[in-house]
Structures are given as structure tokens and as C-alpha cells.
């Protein structure tokens, strides 16, 4: 029962902070890319 969010990566290096998240976020990089 997860929630999906899209983060826009626009810089070579960025920091994202997740607040009140029960589990460690798992990135799904290049999903749907072929």
C-alpha cells in the first residue's frame, strides 16, 4: 500500500529529504525506459 511520488532531478547533485516515512524510500530509476 505504497505511495508513488515523482522527483524531478534537474541538477548533477541534489538532496531530497523524506519526512514521516515509515520505510526507507526505494528509487525506481529509469522505470518504463527502453
Protein backbone atom coordinates (compact mmCIF):
# COMPACT_ATOMS: atom_id res chain seq x y z
CA UNK A 1 0.00 0.00 0.00
CA UNK A 2 2.75 2.41 -1.01
CA UNK A 3 2.61 5.91 -2.32
CA UNK A 4 4.26 7.00 -5.55
CA UNK A 5 5.87 10.39 -5.98
CA UNK A 6 7.93 11.80 -8.83
CA UNK A 7 11.07 13.76 -8.00
CA UNK A 8 12.46 15.98 -10.74
CA UNK A 9 16.23 15.62 -10.88
CA UNK A 10 17.42 18.80 -12.56
CA UNK A 11 20.94 19.18 -11.16
CA UNK A 12 24.02 16.94 -11.20
CA UNK A 13 23.79 16.69 -7.40
CA UNK A 14 20.66 17.21 -5.30
CA UNK A 15 19.41 16.34 -1.82
CA UNK A 16 15.89 15.16 -1.08
CA UNK A 17 14.60 14.89 2.50
CA UNK A 18 11.78 12.49 3.32
CA UNK A 19 9.79 13.26 6.48
CA UNK A 20 7.45 10.89 8.35
CA UNK A 21 8.24 7.92 6.10
CA UNK A 22 7.93 4.56 7.86
CA UNK A 23 10.33 2.76 5.49
CA UNK A 24 13.44 3.84 3.62
CA UNK A 25 12.46 5.22 0.18
CA UNK A 26 13.36 2.97 -2.77
CA UNK A 27 14.13 4.76 -6.04
CA UNK A 28 12.88 3.21 -9.25
CA UNK A 29 15.31 4.67 -11.74
CA UNK A 30 14.55 4.59 -15.46
CA UNK A 31 11.16 2.94 -14.91
CA UNK A 32 9.49 2.41 -18.27
CA UNK A 33 12.62 3.46 -20.17
CA UNK A 34 13.72 1.27 -23.05
